[in-house]
Amino acid sequence: MNKVINTDKAPKAIGPYSQAILAGNTLYISGQIPINPETGKIVEGGITEQTEQVMKNIKAILDEAGFTFADVVKSTCLLSTMDNFAPMNEVYGKYYPQNCPARAAYAVQKLPMGVMVEIETIAVK
């Protein structure tokens, strides 16, 4: 049986989806964009600030479900341009200092609300 994971410490879904679904021992976190959950607005700044907020949002959902970054096995990073890959990677790497998850990173034509980065995450216990 699947369980919907929802927390006020991460942005509310902006469409017909859940923040995350726990299926057995696997947590599927929807793509997170750099919305500050307290204000409901995109964080100010560039790719560094946006990536930091995305990772905070992912952490809030992991925490709500009883997971940690150590449980993450796969990430998919969507970028508005590959020019943002290096600074995104620098912030992302702080959250995975060892045993990094598998990952894919793509540049896409457009992201929701005109953001620079979106990251989806899969974690397993």
PDB file of N, CA and C in Angstrom:
ATOM      1  N   MET A   1       0.839  -1.183   0.000  1.00  0.00           N
ATOM      2  CA  MET A   1       0.000   0.000   0.000  1.00  0.00           C
ATOM      3  C   MET A   1       0.886   1.249   0.000  1.00  0.00           C
ATOM      4  N   ASN A   2       0.589   2.160  -0.870  1.00  0.00           N
ATOM      5  CA  ASN A   2       1.365   3.396  -0.977  1.00  0.00           C
ATOM      6  C   ASN A   2       0.877   4.418   0.041  1.00  0.00           C
ATOM      7  N   LYS A   3       1.832   5.213   0.528  1.00  0.00           N
ATOM      8  CA  LYS A   3       1.507   6.252   1.500  1.00  0.00           C
ATOM      9  C   LYS A   3       1.956   7.601   0.938  1.00  0.00           C
ATOM     10  N   VAL A   4       1.057   8.570   0.940  1.00  0.00           N
ATOM     11  CA  VAL A   4       1.394   9.925   0.515  1.00  0.00           C
ATOM     12  C   VAL A   4       2.174  10.597   1.632  1.00  0.00           C
ATOM     13  N   ILE A   5       3.298  11.200   1.270  1.00  0.00           N
ATOM     14  CA  ILE A   5       4.117  11.962   2.221  1.00  0.00           C
ATOM     15  C   ILE A   5       3.911  13.438   1.911  1.00  0.00           C
ATOM     16  N   ASN A   6       3.605  14.194   2.960  1.00  0.00           N
ATOM     17  CA  ASN A   6       3.343  15.615   2.795  1.00  0.00           C
ATOM     18  C   ASN A   6       3.860  16.353   4.023  1.00  0.00           C
ATOM     19  N   THR A   7       4.545  17.468   3.807  1.00  0.00           N
ATOM     20  CA  THR A   7       5.020  18.294   4.908  1.00  0.00           C
ATOM     21  C   THR A   7       4.878  19.770   4.560  1.00  0.00           C
ATOM     22  N   ASP A   8       4.578  20.564   5.556  1.00  0.00           N
ATOM     23  CA  ASP A   8       4.519  22.015   5.373  1.00  0.00           C
ATOM     24  C   ASP A   8       5.912  22.622   5.279  1.00  0.00           C
ATOM     25  N   LYS A   9       6.955  21.827   5.546  1.00  0.00           N
ATOM     26  CA  LYS A   9       8.330  22.321   5.503  1.00  0.00           C
ATOM     27  C   LYS A   9       8.926  22.266   4.094  1.00  0.00           C
ATOM     28  N   ALA A  10       8.124  21.818   3.145  1.00  0.00           N
ATOM     29  CA  ALA A  10       8.504  21.822   1.728  1.00  0.00           C
ATOM     30  C   ALA A  10       7.332  22.461   0.969  1.00  0.00           C
ATOM     31  N   PRO A  11       7.596  22.955  -0.239  1.00  0.00           N
ATOM     32  CA  PRO A  11       6.522  23.610  -0.987  1.00  0.00           C
ATOM     33  C   PRO A  11       5.360  22.677  -1.284  1.00  0.00           C
ATOM     34  N   LYS A  12       4.173  23.233  -1.252  1.00  0.00           N
ATOM     35  CA  LYS A  12       2.990  22.466  -1.636  1.00  0.00           C
ATOM     36  C   LYS A  12       3.090  22.120  -3.123  1.00  0.00           C
ATOM     37  N   ALA A  13       2.502  21.017  -3.496  1.00  0.00           N
ATOM     38  CA  ALA A  13       2.461  20.634  -4.906  1.00  0.00           C
ATOM     39  C   ALA A  13       1.720  21.714  -5.696  1.00  0.00           C
ATOM     40  N   ILE A  14       2.241  22.036  -6.885  1.00  0.00           N
ATOM     41  CA  ILE A  14       1.602  23.065  -7.711  1.00  0.00           C
ATOM     42  C   ILE A  14       0.835  22.438  -8.876  1.00  0.00           C
ATOM     43  N   GLY A  15       0.442  21.204  -8.702  1.00  0.00           N
ATOM     44  CA  GLY A  15      -0.307  20.485  -9.717  1.00  0.00           C
ATOM     45  C   GLY A  15      -0.874  19.216  -9.119  1.00  0.00           C
ATOM     46  N   PRO A  16      -1.400  18.340  -9.967  1.00  0.00           N
ATOM     47  CA  PRO A  16      -2.004  17.096  -9.486  1.00  0.00           C
ATOM     48  C   PRO A  16      -0.943  16.018  -9.214  1.00  0.00           C
ATOM     49  N   TYR A  17      -0.162  16.227  -8.175  1.00  0.00           N
ATOM     50  CA  TYR A  17       0.846  15.257  -7.754  1.00  0.00           C
ATOM     51  C   TYR A  17       1.083  15.415  -6.262  1.00  0.00           C
ATOM     52  N   SER A  18       1.775  14.453  -5.668  1.00  0.00           N
ATOM     53  CA  SER A  18       2.125  14.486  -4.247  1.00  0.00           C
ATOM     54  C   SER A  18       3.587  14.894  -4.092  1.00  0.00           C
ATOM     55  N   GLN A  19       3.932  15.460  -2.939  1.00  0.00           N
ATOM     56  CA  GLN A  19       5.333  15.770  -2.674  1.00  0.00           C
ATOM     57  C   GLN A  19       6.171  14.497  -2.784  1.00  0.00           C
ATOM     58  N   ALA A  20       5.639  13.408  -2.230  1.00  0.00           N
ATOM     59  CA  ALA A  20       6.348  12.132  -2.294  1.00  0.00           C
ATOM     60  C   ALA A  20       5.368  10.997  -2.055  1.00  0.00           C
ATOM     61  N   ILE A  21       5.777   9.819  -2.503  1.00  0.00           N
ATOM     62  CA  ILE A  21       5.026   8.584  -2.265  1.00  0.00           C
ATOM     63  C   ILE A  21       5.981   7.563  -1.675  1.00  0.00           C
ATOM     64  N   LEU A  22       5.577   6.965  -0.565  1.00  0.00           N
ATOM     65  CA  LEU A  22       6.324   5.871   0.035  1.00  0.00           C
ATOM     66  C   LEU A  22       5.660   4.579  -0.421  1.00  0.00           C
ATOM     67  N   ALA A  23       6.403   3.795  -1.187  1.00  0.00           N
ATOM     68  CA  ALA A  23       5.915   2.513  -1.690  1.00  0.00           C
ATOM     69  C   ALA A  23       6.816   1.428  -1.121  1.00  0.00           C
ATOM     70  N   GLY A  24       6.315   0.709  -0.126  1.00  0.00           N
ATOM     71  CA  GLY A  24       7.159  -0.272   0.556  1.00  0.00           C
ATOM     72  C   GLY A  24       8.283   0.452   1.273  1.00  0.00           C
ATOM     73  N   ASN A  25       9.516   0.110   0.916  1.00  0.00           N
ATOM     74  CA  ASN A  25      10.671   0.765   1.544  1.00  0.00           C
ATOM     75  C   ASN A  25      11.327   1.785   0.612  1.00  0.00           C
ATOM     76  N   THR A  26      10.605   2.163  -0.435  1.00  0.00           N
ATOM     77  CA  THR A  26      11.148   3.109  -1.414  1.00  0.00           C
ATOM     78  C   THR A  26      10.341   4.404  -1.383  1.00  0.00           C
ATOM     79  N   LEU A  27      11.068   5.526  -1.304  1.00  0.00           N
ATOM     80  CA  LEU A  27      10.459   6.847  -1.285  1.00  0.00           C
ATOM     81  C   LEU A  27      10.730   7.529  -2.613  1.00  0.00           C
ATOM     82  N   TYR A  28       9.678   7.938  -3.290  1.00  0.00           N
ATOM     83  CA  TYR A  28       9.770   8.650  -4.559  1.00  0.00           C
ATOM     84  C   TYR A  28       9.389  10.111  -4.309  1.00  0.00           C
ATOM     85  N   ILE A  29      10.364  11.003  -4.416  1.00  0.00           N
ATOM     86  CA  ILE A  29      10.122  12.422  -4.182  1.00  0.00           C
ATOM     87  C   ILE A  29       9.954  13.114  -5.528  1.00  0.00           C
ATOM     88  N   SER A  30       8.830  13.811  -5.674  1.00  0.00           N
ATOM     89  CA  SER A  30       8.587  14.570  -6.896  1.00  0.00           C
ATOM     90  C   SER A  30       9.664  15.623  -7.075  1.00  0.00           C
ATOM     91  N   GLY A  31       9.835  16.056  -8.319  1.00  0.00           N
ATOM     92  CA  GLY A  31      10.802  17.102  -8.612  1.00  0.00           C
ATOM     93  C   GLY A  31      10.564  18.325  -7.740  1.00  0.00           C
ATOM     94  N   GLN A  32      11.606  18.765  -7.068  1.00  0.00           N
ATOM     95  CA  GLN A  32      11.525  19.926  -6.196  1.00  0.00           C
ATOM     96  C   GLN A  32      12.152  21.124  -6.895  1.00  0.00           C
ATOM     97  N   ILE A  33      11.450  22.248  -6.821  1.00  0.00           N
ATOM     98  CA  ILE A  33      11.981  23.484  -7.370  1.00  0.00           C
ATOM     99  C   ILE A  33      12.252  24.438  -6.202  1.00  0.00           C
ATOM    100  N   PRO A  34      12.972  25.533  -6.449  1.00  0.00           N
ATOM    101  CA  PRO A  34      13.442  26.378  -5.349  1.00  0.00           C
ATOM    102  C   PRO A  34      12.394  27.348  -4.783  1.00  0.00           C
ATOM    103  N   ILE A  35      11.295  26.787  -4.334  1.00  0.00           N
ATOM    104  CA  ILE A  35      10.276  27.587  -3.659  1.00  0.00           C
ATOM    105  C   ILE A  35      10.547  27.536  -2.164  1.00  0.00           C
ATOM    106  N   ASN A  36      10.565  28.687  -1.542  1.00  0.00           N
ATOM    107  CA  ASN A  36      10.667  28.758  -0.093  1.00  0.00           C
ATOM    108  C   ASN A  36       9.285  28.416   0.460  1.00  0.00           C
ATOM    109  N   PRO A  37       9.149  27.339   1.251  1.00  0.00           N
ATOM    110  CA  PRO A  37       7.826  26.938   1.711  1.00  0.00           C
ATOM    111  C   PRO A  37       7.172  27.947   2.652  1.00  0.00           C
ATOM    112  N   GLU A  38       7.972  28.791   3.289  1.00  0.00           N
ATOM    113  CA  GLU A  38       7.411  29.795   4.203  1.00  0.00           C
ATOM    114  C   GLU A  38       6.754  30.944   3.448  1.00  0.00           C
ATOM    115  N   THR A  39       7.305  31.298   2.296  1.00  0.00           N
ATOM    116  CA  THR A  39       6.781  32.434   1.537  1.00  0.00           C
ATOM    117  C   THR A  39       5.976  32.008   0.314  1.00  0.00           C
ATOM    118  N   GLY A  40       6.223  30.783  -0.155  1.00  0.00           N
ATOM    119  CA  GLY A  40       5.572  30.314  -1.374  1.00  0.00           C
ATOM    120  C   GLY A  40       6.164  30.925  -2.632  1.00  0.00           C
ATOM    121  N   LYS A  41       7.321  31.571  -2.493  1.00  0.00           N
ATOM    122  CA  LYS A  41       7.952  32.242  -3.635  1.00  0.00           C
ATOM    123  C   LYS A  41       9.295  31.607  -3.974  1.00  0.00           C
ATOM    124  N   ILE A  42       9.713  31.801  -5.222  1.00  0.00           N
ATOM    125  CA  ILE A  42      11.029  31.346  -5.666  1.00  0.00           C
ATOM    126  C   ILE A  42      12.079  32.149  -4.899  1.00  0.00           C
ATOM    127  N   VAL A  43      13.129  31.472  -4.418  1.00  0.00           N
ATOM    128  CA  VAL A  43      14.185  32.183  -3.694  1.00  0.00           C
ATOM    129  C   VAL A  43      14.918  33.126  -4.642  1.00  0.00           C
ATOM    130  N   GLU A  44      15.369  34.223  -4.099  1.00  0.00           N
ATOM    131  CA  GLU A  44      16.135  35.185  -4.885  1.00  0.00           C
ATOM    132  C   GLU A  44      17.570  34.691  -5.031  1.00  0.00           C
ATOM    133  N   GLY A  45      18.226  35.145  -6.083  1.00  0.00           N
ATOM    134  CA  GLY A  45      19.610  34.772  -6.319  1.00  0.00           C
ATOM    135  C   GLY A  45      19.732  33.929  -7.568  1.00  0.00           C
ATOM    136  N   GLY A  46      20.878  33.302  -7.699  1.00  0.00           N
ATOM    137  CA  GLY A  46      21.185  32.514  -8.877  1.00  0.00           C
ATOM    138  C   GLY A  46      21.074  31.029  -8.634  1.00  0.00           C
ATOM    139  N   ILE A  47      21.799  30.278  -9.433  1.00  0.00           N
ATOM    140  CA  ILE A  47      21.732  28.816  -9.377  1.00  0.00           C
ATOM    141  C   ILE A  47      22.180  28.265  -8.028  1.00  0.00           C
ATOM    142  N   THR A  48      23.163  28.897  -7.396  1.00  0.00           N
ATOM    143  CA  THR A  48      23.634  28.420  -6.088  1.00  0.00           C
ATOM    144  C   THR A  48      22.515  28.498  -5.052  1.00  0.00           C
ATOM    145  N   GLU A  49      21.866  29.640  -4.968  1.00  0.00           N
ATOM    146  CA  GLU A  49      20.780  29.816  -4.000  1.00  0.00           C
ATOM    147  C   GLU A  49      19.593  28.921  -4.337  1.00  0.00           C
ATOM    148  N   GLN A  50      19.308  28.797  -5.626  1.00  0.00           N
ATOM    149  CA  GLN A  50      18.182  27.946  -6.016  1.00  0.00           C
ATOM    150  C   GLN A  50      18.454  26.476  -5.694  1.00  0.00           C
ATOM    151  N   THR A  51      19.657  26.012  -5.963  1.00  0.00           N
ATOM    152  CA  THR A  51      19.987  24.610  -5.657  1.00  0.00           C
ATOM    153  C   THR A  51      19.940  24.367  -4.161  1.00  0.00           C
ATOM    154  N   GLU A  52      20.444  25.303  -3.379  1.00  0.00           N
ATOM    155  CA  GLU A  52      20.414  25.164  -1.914  1.00  0.00           C
ATOM    156  C   GLU A  52      18.970  25.013  -1.428  1.00  0.00           C
ATOM    157  N   GLN A  53      18.052  25.813  -1.952  1.00  0.00           N
ATOM    158  CA  GLN A  53      16.650  25.710  -1.536  1.00  0.00           C
ATOM    159  C   GLN A  53      16.042  24.384  -1.966  1.00  0.00           C
ATOM    160  N   VAL A  54      16.363  23.934  -3.167  1.00  0.00           N
ATOM    161  CA  VAL A  54      15.866  22.631  -3.629  1.00  0.00           C
ATOM    162  C   VAL A  54      16.326  21.531  -2.680  1.00  0.00           C
ATOM    163  N   MET A  55      17.587  21.564  -2.294  1.00  0.00           N
ATOM    164  CA  MET A  55      18.110  20.523  -1.397  1.00  0.00           C
ATOM    165  C   MET A  55      17.464  20.607  -0.012  1.00  0.00           C
ATOM    166  N   LYS A  56      17.170  21.805   0.469  1.00  0.00           N
ATOM    167  CA  LYS A  56      16.460  21.971   1.742  1.00  0.00           C
ATOM    168  C   LYS A  56      15.055  21.378   1.634  1.00  0.00           C
ATOM    169  N   ASN A  57      14.406  21.591   0.489  1.00  0.00           N
ATOM    170  CA  ASN A  57      13.070  21.037   0.286  1.00  0.00           C
ATOM    171  C   ASN A  57      13.111  19.511   0.264  1.00  0.00           C
ATOM    172  N   ILE A  58      14.105  18.958  -0.408  1.00  0.00           N
ATOM    173  CA  ILE A  58      14.264  17.497  -0.439  1.00  0.00           C
ATOM    174  C   ILE A  58      14.504  16.969   0.974  1.00  0.00           C
ATOM    175  N   LYS A  59      15.358  17.638   1.724  1.00  0.00           N
ATOM    176  CA  LYS A  59      15.650  17.219   3.107  1.00  0.00           C
ATOM    177  C   LYS A  59      14.385  17.212   3.955  1.00  0.00           C
ATOM    178  N   ALA A  60      13.548  18.236   3.810  1.00  0.00           N
ATOM    179  CA  ALA A  60      12.311  18.299   4.591  1.00  0.00           C
ATOM    180  C   ALA A  60      11.412  17.101   4.303  1.00  0.00           C
ATOM    181  N   ILE A  61      11.338  16.707   3.050  1.00  0.00           N
ATOM    182  CA  ILE A  61      10.507  15.558   2.675  1.00  0.00           C
ATOM    183  C   ILE A  61      11.141  14.261   3.162  1.00  0.00           C
ATOM    184  N   LEU A  62      12.444  14.138   2.990  1.00  0.00           N
ATOM    185  CA  LEU A  62      13.137  12.961   3.530  1.00  0.00           C
ATOM    186  C   LEU A  62      12.884  12.833   5.030  1.00  0.00           C
ATOM    187  N   ASP A  63      13.045  13.935   5.757  1.00  0.00           N
ATOM    188  CA  ASP A  63      12.833  13.935   7.210  1.00  0.00           C
ATOM    189  C   ASP A  63      11.415  13.492   7.555  1.00  0.00           C
ATOM    190  N   GLU A  64      10.435  14.049   6.853  1.00  0.00           N
ATOM    191  CA  GLU A  64       9.031  13.715   7.129  1.00  0.00           C
ATOM    192  C   GLU A  64       8.771  12.217   6.967  1.00  0.00           C
ATOM    193  N   ALA A  65       9.459  11.600   6.013  1.00  0.00           N
ATOM    194  CA  ALA A  65       9.259  10.171   5.739  1.00  0.00           C
ATOM    195  C   ALA A  65      10.183   9.279   6.564  1.00  0.00           C
ATOM    196  N   GLY A  66      11.077   9.878   7.362  1.00  0.00           N
ATOM    197  CA  GLY A  66      12.004   9.082   8.175  1.00  0.00           C
ATOM    198  C   GLY A  66      13.222   8.601   7.411  1.00  0.00           C
ATOM    199  N   PHE A  67      13.596   9.315   6.365  1.00  0.00           N
ATOM    200  CA  PHE A  67      14.763   8.985   5.556  1.00  0.00           C
ATOM    201  C   PHE A  67      15.826  10.068   5.728  1.00  0.00           C
ATOM    202  N   THR A  68      17.021   9.801   5.216  1.00  0.00           N
ATOM    203  CA  THR A  68      18.100  10.786   5.205  1.00  0.00           C
ATOM    204  C   THR A  68      18.725  10.794   3.812  1.00  0.00           C
ATOM    205  N   PHE A  69      19.635  11.738   3.596  1.00  0.00           N
ATOM    206  CA  PHE A  69      20.356  11.763   2.318  1.00  0.00           C
ATOM    207  C   PHE A  69      21.159  10.488   2.108  1.00  0.00           C
ATOM    208  N   ALA A  70      21.551   9.819   3.169  1.00  0.00           N
ATOM    209  CA  ALA A  70      22.298   8.558   3.048  1.00  0.00           C
ATOM    210  C   ALA A  70      21.438   7.459   2.417  1.00  0.00           C
ATOM    211  N   ASP A  71      20.127   7.612   2.465  1.00  0.00           N
ATOM    212  CA  ASP A  71      19.212   6.618   1.880  1.00  0.00           C
ATOM    213  C   ASP A  71      18.933   6.864   0.401  1.00  0.00           C
ATOM    214  N   VAL A  72      19.364   8.005  -0.113  1.00  0.00           N
ATOM    215  CA  VAL A  72      19.079   8.353  -1.518  1.00  0.00           C
ATOM    216  C   VAL A  72      19.908   7.465  -2.450  1.00  0.00           C
ATOM    217  N   VAL A  73      19.238   6.869  -3.430  1.00  0.00           N
ATOM    218  CA  VAL A  73      19.911   5.984  -4.383  1.00  0.00           C
ATOM    219  C   VAL A  73      19.950   6.563  -5.794  1.00  0.00           C
ATOM    220  N   LYS A  74      19.074   7.550  -6.094  1.00  0.00           N
ATOM    221  CA  LYS A  74      19.022   8.098  -7.458  1.00  0.00           C
ATOM    222  C   LYS A  74      18.463   9.502  -7.427  1.00  0.00           C
ATOM    223  N   SER A  75      19.095  10.383  -8.180  1.00  0.00           N
ATOM    224  CA  SER A  75      18.599  11.741  -8.374  1.00  0.00           C
ATOM    225  C   SER A  75      18.548  12.031  -9.867  1.00  0.00           C
ATOM    226  N   THR A  76      17.595  12.847 -10.247  1.00  0.00           N
ATOM    227  CA  THR A  76      17.558  13.386 -11.598  1.00  0.00           C
ATOM    228  C   THR A  76      17.522  14.901 -11.470  1.00  0.00           C
ATOM    229  N   CYS A  77      18.530  15.545 -12.049  1.00  0.00           N
ATOM    230  CA  CYS A  77      18.676  16.997 -11.972  1.00  0.00           C
ATOM    231  C   CYS A  77      18.325  17.605 -13.323  1.00  0.00           C
ATOM    232  N   LEU A  78      17.373  18.504 -13.312  1.00  0.00           N
ATOM    233  CA  LEU A  78      16.962  19.210 -14.522  1.00  0.00           C
ATOM    234  C   LEU A  78      17.437  20.648 -14.404  1.00  0.00           C
ATOM    235  N   LEU A  79      18.137  21.113 -15.421  1.00  0.00           N
ATOM    236  CA  LEU A  79      18.722  22.451 -15.402  1.00  0.00           C
ATOM    237  C   LEU A  79      18.210  23.266 -16.578  1.00  0.00           C
ATOM    238  N   SER A  80      18.105  24.572 -16.373  1.00  0.00           N
ATOM    239  CA  SER A  80      17.676  25.455 -17.459  1.00  0.00           C
ATOM    240  C   SER A  80      18.767  25.603 -18.514  1.00  0.00           C
ATOM    241  N   THR A  81      20.015  25.378 -18.115  1.00  0.00           N
ATOM    242  CA  THR A  81      21.156  25.396 -19.031  1.00  0.00           C
ATOM    243  C   THR A  81      22.298  24.607 -18.404  1.00  0.00           C
ATOM    244  N   MET A  82      23.078  23.929 -19.224  1.00  0.00           N
ATOM    245  CA  MET A  82      24.216  23.183 -18.686  1.00  0.00           C
ATOM    246  C   MET A  82      25.305  24.123 -18.172  1.00  0.00           C
ATOM    247  N   ASP A  83      25.206  25.407 -18.469  1.00  0.00           N
ATOM    248  CA  ASP A  83      26.131  26.382 -17.883  1.00  0.00           C
ATOM    249  C   ASP A  83      25.996  26.415 -16.363  1.00  0.00           C
ATOM    250  N   ASN A  84      24.860  25.962 -15.846  1.00  0.00           N
ATOM    251  CA  ASN A  84      24.625  25.942 -14.398  1.00  0.00           C
ATOM    252  C   ASN A  84      25.055  24.629 -13.745  1.00  0.00           C
ATOM    253  N   PHE A  85      25.592  23.695 -14.533  1.00  0.00           N
ATOM    254  CA  PHE A  85      25.930  22.382 -13.990  1.00  0.00           C
ATOM    255  C   PHE A  85      26.972  22.459 -12.876  1.00  0.00           C
ATOM    256  N   ALA A  86      28.087  23.143 -13.091  1.00  0.00           N
ATOM    257  CA  ALA A  86      29.170  23.175 -12.091  1.00  0.00           C
ATOM    258  C   ALA A  86      28.713  23.788 -10.768  1.00  0.00           C
ATOM    259  N   PRO A  87      28.067  24.973 -10.770  1.00  0.00           N
ATOM    260  CA  PRO A  87      27.635  25.504  -9.474  1.00  0.00           C
ATOM    261  C   PRO A  87      26.535  24.664  -8.813  1.00  0.00           C
ATOM    262  N   MET A  88      25.624  24.080  -9.608  1.00  0.00           N
ATOM    263  CA  MET A  88      24.623  23.175  -9.035  1.00  0.00           C
ATOM    264  C   MET A  88      25.319  21.988  -8.397  1.00  0.00           C
ATOM    265  N   ASN A  89      26.292  21.433  -9.097  1.00  0.00           N
ATOM    266  CA  ASN A  89      27.016  20.261  -8.632  1.00  0.00           C
ATOM    267  C   ASN A  89      27.758  20.538  -7.321  1.00  0.00           C
ATOM    268  N   GLU A  90      28.289  21.739  -7.181  1.00  0.00           N
ATOM    269  CA  GLU A  90      29.013  22.096  -5.959  1.00  0.00           C
ATOM    270  C   GLU A  90      28.081  22.072  -4.743  1.00  0.00           C
ATOM    271  N   VAL A  91      26.904  22.660  -4.879  1.00  0.00           N
ATOM    272  CA  VAL A  91      25.929  22.650  -3.777  1.00  0.00           C
ATOM    273  C   VAL A  91      25.434  21.224  -3.541  1.00  0.00           C
ATOM    274  N   TYR A  92      25.054  20.540  -4.589  1.00  0.00           N
ATOM    275  CA  TYR A  92      24.540  19.166  -4.504  1.00  0.00           C
ATOM    276  C   TYR A  92      25.536  18.266  -3.772  1.00  0.00           C
ATOM    277  N   GLY A  93      26.814  18.408  -4.094  1.00  0.00           N
ATOM    278  CA  GLY A  93      27.856  17.568  -3.505  1.00  0.00           C
ATOM    279  C   GLY A  93      27.987  17.717  -2.002  1.00  0.00           C
ATOM    280  N   LYS A  94      27.616  18.863  -1.449  1.00  0.00           N
ATOM    281  CA  LYS A  94      27.679  19.062   0.007  1.00  0.00           C
ATOM    282  C   LYS A  94      26.722  18.127   0.731  1.00  0.00           C
ATOM    283  N   TYR A  95      25.659  17.736   0.072  1.00  0.00           N
ATOM    284  CA  TYR A  95      24.647  16.876   0.692  1.00  0.00           C
ATOM    285  C   TYR A  95      24.974  15.390   0.542  1.00  0.00           C
ATOM    286  N   TYR A  96      25.933  15.081  -0.319  1.00  0.00           N
ATOM    287  CA  TYR A  96      26.348  13.695  -0.558  1.00  0.00           C
ATOM    288  C   TYR A  96      27.878  13.613  -0.483  1.00  0.00           C
ATOM    289  N   PRO A  97      28.453  13.763   0.717  1.00  0.00           N
ATOM    290  CA  PRO A  97      29.915  13.779   0.837  1.00  0.00           C
ATOM    291  C   PRO A  97      30.570  12.424   0.563  1.00  0.00           C
ATOM    292  N   GLN A  98      29.818  11.345   0.671  1.00  0.00           N
ATOM    293  CA  GLN A  98      30.338  10.015   0.354  1.00  0.00           C
ATOM    294  C   GLN A  98      29.193   9.129  -0.117  1.00  0.00           C
ATOM    295  N   ASN A  99      29.536   8.041  -0.781  1.00  0.00           N
ATOM    296  CA  ASN A  99      28.529   7.107  -1.304  1.00  0.00           C
ATOM    297  C   ASN A  99      27.409   7.849  -2.045  1.00  0.00           C
ATOM    298  N   CYS A 100      27.815   8.648  -3.000  1.00  0.00           N
ATOM    299  CA  CYS A 100      26.859   9.451  -3.777  1.00  0.00           C
ATOM    300  C   CYS A 100      25.873   8.559  -4.517  1.00  0.00           C
ATOM    301  N   PRO A 101      24.638   9.035  -4.655  1.00  0.00           N
ATOM    302  CA  PRO A 101      23.650   8.250  -5.402  1.00  0.00           C
ATOM    303  C   PRO A 101      23.936   8.272  -6.900  1.00  0.00           C
ATOM    304  N   ALA A 102      23.303   7.362  -7.599  1.00  0.00           N
ATOM    305  CA  ALA A 102      23.313   7.430  -9.060  1.00  0.00           C
ATOM    306  C   ALA A 102      22.601   8.718  -9.450  1.00  0.00           C
ATOM    307  N   ARG A 103      22.960   9.260 -10.634  1.00  0.00           N
ATOM    308  CA  ARG A 103      22.364  10.546 -10.993  1.00  0.00           C
ATOM    309  C   ARG A 103      22.382  10.746 -12.497  1.00  0.00           C
ATOM    310  N   ALA A 104      21.396  11.475 -12.959  1.00  0.00           N
ATOM    311  CA  ALA A 104      21.373  11.984 -14.327  1.00  0.00           C
ATOM    312  C   ALA A 104      21.152  13.487 -14.226  1.00  0.00           C
ATOM    313  N   ALA A 105      21.727  14.220 -15.169  1.00  0.00           N
ATOM    314  CA  ALA A 105      21.531  15.674 -15.212  1.00  0.00           C
ATOM    315  C   ALA A 105      21.273  16.070 -16.654  1.00  0.00           C
ATOM    316  N   TYR A 106      20.227  16.860 -16.848  1.00  0.00           N
ATOM    317  CA  TYR A 106      19.829  17.263 -18.187  1.00  0.00           C
ATOM    318  C   TYR A 106      19.570  18.760 -18.218  1.00  0.00           C
ATOM    319  N   ALA A 107      19.837  19.362 -19.355  1.00  0.00           N
ATOM    320  CA  ALA A 107      19.345  20.712 -19.624  1.00  0.00           C
ATOM    321  C   ALA A 107      18.029  20.538 -20.368  1.00  0.00           C
ATOM    322  N   VAL A 108      17.037  21.285 -19.956  1.00  0.00           N
ATOM    323  CA  VAL A 108      15.721  21.220 -20.583  1.00  0.00           C
ATOM    324  C   VAL A 108      15.347  22.612 -21.084  1.00  0.00           C
ATOM    325  N   GLN A 109      14.381  22.664 -21.948  1.00  0.00           N
ATOM    326  CA  GLN A 109      14.025  23.949 -22.549  1.00  0.00           C
ATOM    327  C   GLN A 109      13.439  24.916 -21.522  1.00  0.00           C
ATOM    328  N   LYS A 110      12.564  24.424 -20.649  1.00  0.00           N
ATOM    329  CA  LYS A 110      11.915  25.272 -19.650  1.00  0.00           C
ATOM    330  C   LYS A 110      11.575  24.457 -18.424  1.00  0.00           C
ATOM    331  N   LEU A 111      11.648  25.115 -17.268  1.00  0.00           N
ATOM    332  CA  LEU A 111      11.243  24.486 -16.013  1.00  0.00           C
ATOM    333  C   LEU A 111      10.069  25.273 -15.433  1.00  0.00           C
ATOM    334  N   PRO A 112       9.296  24.642 -14.533  1.00  0.00           N
ATOM    335  CA  PRO A 112       8.146  25.332 -13.955  1.00  0.00           C
ATOM    336  C   PRO A 112       8.538  26.664 -13.317  1.00  0.00           C
ATOM    337  N   MET A 113       7.694  27.654 -13.512  1.00  0.00           N
ATOM    338  CA  MET A 113       7.850  28.969 -12.898  1.00  0.00           C
ATOM    339  C   MET A 113       9.158  29.668 -13.283  1.00  0.00           C
ATOM    340  N   GLY A 114       9.797  29.203 -14.371  1.00  0.00           N
ATOM    341  CA  GLY A 114      11.017  29.841 -14.853  1.00  0.00           C
ATOM    342  C   GLY A 114      12.241  29.626 -13.987  1.00  0.00           C
ATOM    343  N   VAL A 115      12.239  28.580 -13.141  1.00  0.00           N
ATOM    344  CA  VAL A 115      13.377  28.323 -12.253  1.00  0.00           C
ATOM    345  C   VAL A 115      14.568  27.781 -13.039  1.00  0.00           C
ATOM    346  N   MET A 116      15.721  27.733 -12.383  1.00  0.00           N
ATOM    347  CA  MET A 116      16.957  27.265 -13.010  1.00  0.00           C
ATOM    348  C   MET A 116      17.233  25.788 -12.760  1.00  0.00           C
ATOM    349  N   VAL A 117      16.580  25.199 -11.732  1.00  0.00           N
ATOM    350  CA  VAL A 117      16.888  23.820 -11.362  1.00  0.00           C
ATOM    351  C   VAL A 117      15.659  23.145 -10.749  1.00  0.00           C
ATOM    352  N   GLU A 118      15.534  21.859 -11.042  1.00  0.00           N
ATOM    353  CA  GLU A 118      14.536  20.985 -10.424  1.00  0.00           C
ATOM    354  C   GLU A 118      15.224  19.650 -10.196  1.00  0.00           C
ATOM    355  N   ILE A 119      15.013  19.055  -9.024  1.00  0.00           N
ATOM    356  CA  ILE A 119      15.648  17.767  -8.719  1.00  0.00           C
ATOM    357  C   ILE A 119      14.600  16.810  -8.166  1.00  0.00           C
ATOM    358  N   GLU A 120      14.527  15.615  -8.770  1.00  0.00           N
ATOM    359  CA  GLU A 120      13.688  14.548  -8.228  1.00  0.00           C
ATOM    360  C   GLU A 120      14.601  13.514  -7.582  1.00  0.00           C
ATOM    361  N   THR A 121      14.040  12.787  -6.612  1.00  0.00           N
ATOM    362  CA  THR A 121      14.885  11.951  -5.765  1.00  0.00           C
ATOM    363  C   THR A 121      14.178  10.626  -5.452  1.00  0.00           C
ATOM    364  N   ILE A 122      14.966   9.550  -5.406  1.00  0.00           N
ATOM    365  CA  ILE A 122      14.479   8.254  -4.981  1.00  0.00           C
ATOM    366  C   ILE A 122      15.369   7.779  -3.836  1.00  0.00           C
ATOM    367  N   ALA A 123      14.741   7.363  -2.736  1.00  0.00           N
ATOM    368  CA  ALA A 123      15.477   6.871  -1.566  1.00  0.00           C
ATOM    369  C   ALA A 123      14.939   5.497  -1.180  1.00  0.00           C
ATOM    370  N   VAL A 124      15.815   4.649  -0.645  1.00  0.00           N
ATOM    371  CA  VAL A 124      15.434   3.299  -0.235  1.00  0.00           C
ATOM    372  C   VAL A 124      16.016   3.009   1.138  1.00  0.00           C
ATOM    373  N   LYS A 125      15.218   2.389   1.986  1.00  0.00           N
ATOM    374  CA  LYS A 125      15.704   1.954   3.313  1.00  0.00           C
ATOM    375  C   LYS A 125      15.888   0.466   3.299  1.00  0.00           C
TER     376      LYS A 125
END
